[in-house]
C-alpha atoms as a PDB file:
ATOM      1  CA  MET A   1      -0.032   0.049  -0.072  1.00  0.00           C
ATOM      2  CA  THR A   2       1.365   3.419  -0.996  1.00  0.00           C
ATOM      3  CA  THR A   3       1.298   6.430   1.115  1.00  0.00           C
ATOM      4  CA  SER A   4      -1.320   7.956  -1.185  1.00  0.00           C
ATOM      5  CA  ASP A   5      -3.493   4.673  -0.752  1.00  0.00           C
ATOM      6  CA  ILE A   6      -3.077   5.345   2.858  1.00  0.00           C
ATOM      7  CA  VAL A   7      -4.325   8.934   2.666  1.00  0.00           C
ATOM      8  CA  ARG A   8      -7.317   7.839   0.693  1.00  0.00           C
ATOM      9  CA  GLU A   9      -8.226   5.150   2.971  1.00  0.00           C
ATOM     10  CA  LEU A  10      -7.990   7.534   5.864  1.00  0.00           C
ATOM     11  CA  CYS A  11     -10.208  10.035   4.154  1.00  0.00           C
ATOM     12  CA  LYS A  12     -12.749   7.286   3.463  1.00  0.00           C
ATOM     13  CA  LYS A  13     -12.748   6.267   7.183  1.00  0.00           C
ATOM     14  CA  GLN A  14     -13.082   9.898   8.272  1.00  0.00           C
ATOM     15  CA  ASN A  15     -15.754  10.482   5.678  1.00  0.00           C
ATOM     16  CA  ILE A  16     -14.128  13.546   4.138  1.00  0.00           C
ATOM     17  CA  SER A  17     -13.257  14.365   0.465  1.00  0.00           C
ATOM     18  CA  LEU A  18      -9.815  14.449  -0.774  1.00  0.00           C
ATOM     19  CA  ALA A  19     -10.765  18.124  -2.003  1.00  0.00           C
ATOM     20  CA  GLU A  20     -11.606  19.284   1.474  1.00  0.00           C
ATOM     21  CA  VAL A  21      -8.433  17.751   2.882  1.00  0.00           C
ATOM     22  CA  ALA A  22      -6.531  19.899   0.174  1.00  0.00           C
ATOM     23  CA  ARG A  23      -8.273  22.967   1.285  1.00  0.00           C
ATOM     24  CA  ARG A  24      -7.673  22.367   4.851  1.00  0.00           C
ATOM     25  CA  ILE A  25      -4.011  22.045   4.205  1.00  0.00           C
ATOM     26  CA  GLY A  26      -3.782  25.042   2.144  1.00  0.00           C
ATOM     27  CA  GLN A  27      -3.563  23.395  -1.281  1.00  0.00           C
ATOM     28  CA  SER A  28      -5.684  23.330  -4.378  1.00  0.00           C
ATOM     29  CA  PRO A  29      -7.632  20.171  -4.983  1.00  0.00           C
ATOM     30  CA  GLN A  30      -5.950  19.842  -8.358  1.00  0.00           C
ATOM     31  CA  ASN A  31      -2.425  20.127  -6.872  1.00  0.00           C
ATOM     32  CA  PHE A  32      -3.117  17.734  -3.969  1.00  0.00           C
ATOM     33  CA  ASN A  33      -4.599  15.156  -6.599  1.00  0.00           C
ATOM     34  CA  LYS A  34      -1.279  15.419  -8.579  1.00  0.00           C
ATOM     35  CA  LYS A  35       0.672  14.834  -5.735  1.00  0.00           C
ATOM     36  CA  LEU A  36      -1.537  11.698  -4.561  1.00  0.00           C
ATOM     37  CA  LYS A  37      -1.160  10.287  -8.259  1.00  0.00           C
ATOM     38  CA  ARG A  38       2.611  10.697  -8.200  1.00  0.00           C
ATOM     39  CA  ASN A  39       2.829   9.536  -4.723  1.00  0.00           C
ATOM     40  CA  THR A  40       5.059  12.616  -3.760  1.00  0.00           C
ATOM     41  CA  LEU A  41       3.671  13.831  -0.492  1.00  0.00           C
ATOM     42  CA  THR A  42       6.189  15.149   1.881  1.00  0.00           C
ATOM     43  CA  TYR A  43       6.381  14.403   5.766  1.00  0.00           C
ATOM     44  CA  ALA A  44       5.376  17.971   6.332  1.00  0.00           C
ATOM     45  CA  GLU A  45       2.258  17.442   4.207  1.00  0.00           C
ATOM     46  CA  LEU A  46       1.383  13.984   5.882  1.00  0.00           C
ATOM     47  CA  SER A  47       1.619  15.695   9.163  1.00  0.00           C
ATOM     48  CA  ALA A  48      -0.509  18.590   7.981  1.00  0.00           C
ATOM     49  CA  ILE A  49      -3.089  16.056   6.778  1.00  0.00           C
ATOM     50  CA  ALA A  50      -3.029  14.317  10.240  1.00  0.00           C
ATOM     51  CA  ASP A  51      -3.521  17.705  12.015  1.00  0.00           C
ATOM     52  CA  ALA A  52      -6.429  18.554   9.610  1.00  0.00           C
ATOM     53  CA  LEU A  53      -8.250  15.371  10.353  1.00  0.00           C
ATOM     54  CA  GLY A  54      -7.425  15.162  14.011  1.00  0.00           C
ATOM     55  CA  VAL A  55      -5.481  11.978  13.960  1.00  0.00           C
ATOM     56  CA  ASN A  56      -1.938  11.107  14.924  1.00  0.00           C
ATOM     57  CA  PHE A  57       0.919  10.612  12.472  1.00  0.00           C
ATOM     58  CA  GLU A  58       4.310   9.085  13.160  1.00  0.00           C
ATOM     59  CA  LEU A  59       7.123   7.948  10.903  1.00  0.00           C
ATOM     60  CA  ALA A  60       9.615   5.772  12.725  1.00  0.00           C
ATOM     61  CA  PHE A  61      11.989   2.885  12.353  1.00  0.00           C
ATOM     62  CA  THR A  62      11.804   0.388  15.206  1.00  0.00           C
ATOM     63  CA  LEU A  63      15.043  -1.458  15.990  1.00  0.00           C
ATOM     64  CA  PRO A  64      15.007  -5.032  17.218  1.00  0.00           C
ATOM     65  CA  ASP A  65      15.638  -3.950  20.754  1.00  0.00           C
ATOM     66  CA  GLY A  66      12.537  -1.562  20.579  1.00  0.00           C
ATOM     67  CA  GLU A  67      14.365   1.713  20.292  1.00  0.00           C
ATOM     68  CA  LYS A  68      12.586   3.953  17.742  1.00  0.00           C
ATOM     69  CA  ILE A  69      14.089   6.367  15.384  1.00  0.00           C
ATOM     70  CA  THR A  70      11.547   8.935  14.444  1.00  0.00           C
ATOM     71  CA  VAL A  71      11.500  11.674  11.751  1.00  0.00           C
ATOM     72  CA  ASP A  72      10.557  15.110  12.635  1.00  0.00           C
ATOM     73  CA  GLU A  73      10.365  18.264  10.457  1.00  0.00           C
ATOM     74  CA  ARG A  74      13.781  19.538  11.624  1.00  0.00           C
ATOM     75  CA  SER A  75      15.424  16.381  10.367  1.00  0.00           C
ATOM     76  CA  GLU A  76      13.571  16.361   7.062  1.00  0.00           C
ATOM     77  CA  GLN A  77      14.911  19.816   6.416  1.00  0.00           C
ATOM     78  CA  ALA A  78      18.313  18.744   6.781  1.00  0.00           C
ATOM     79  CA  TYR A  79      17.671  15.996   4.182  1.00  0.00           C
ATOM     80  CA  ASP A  80      16.347  18.606   1.771  1.00  0.00           C
ATOM     81  CA  ASP A  81      19.694  20.805   1.733  1.00  0.00           C
END
């Protein structure tokens, strides 16, 4: 399942249209749909979607010993440089 598939399923379960989610995160529905089709949503956009829908979002790797390495906006910006 792709990230875009997950967003679509979330919208379905929350009974909200993709166009409404786009508006809530400050994007046009057309631009948002293009990002979904290309599967190019950023961490910041996924976090904004979660906030707009009132759900939690986390991106993490869990090591065998249970330690989690999580991503936050500060570390994402470091990778974008």
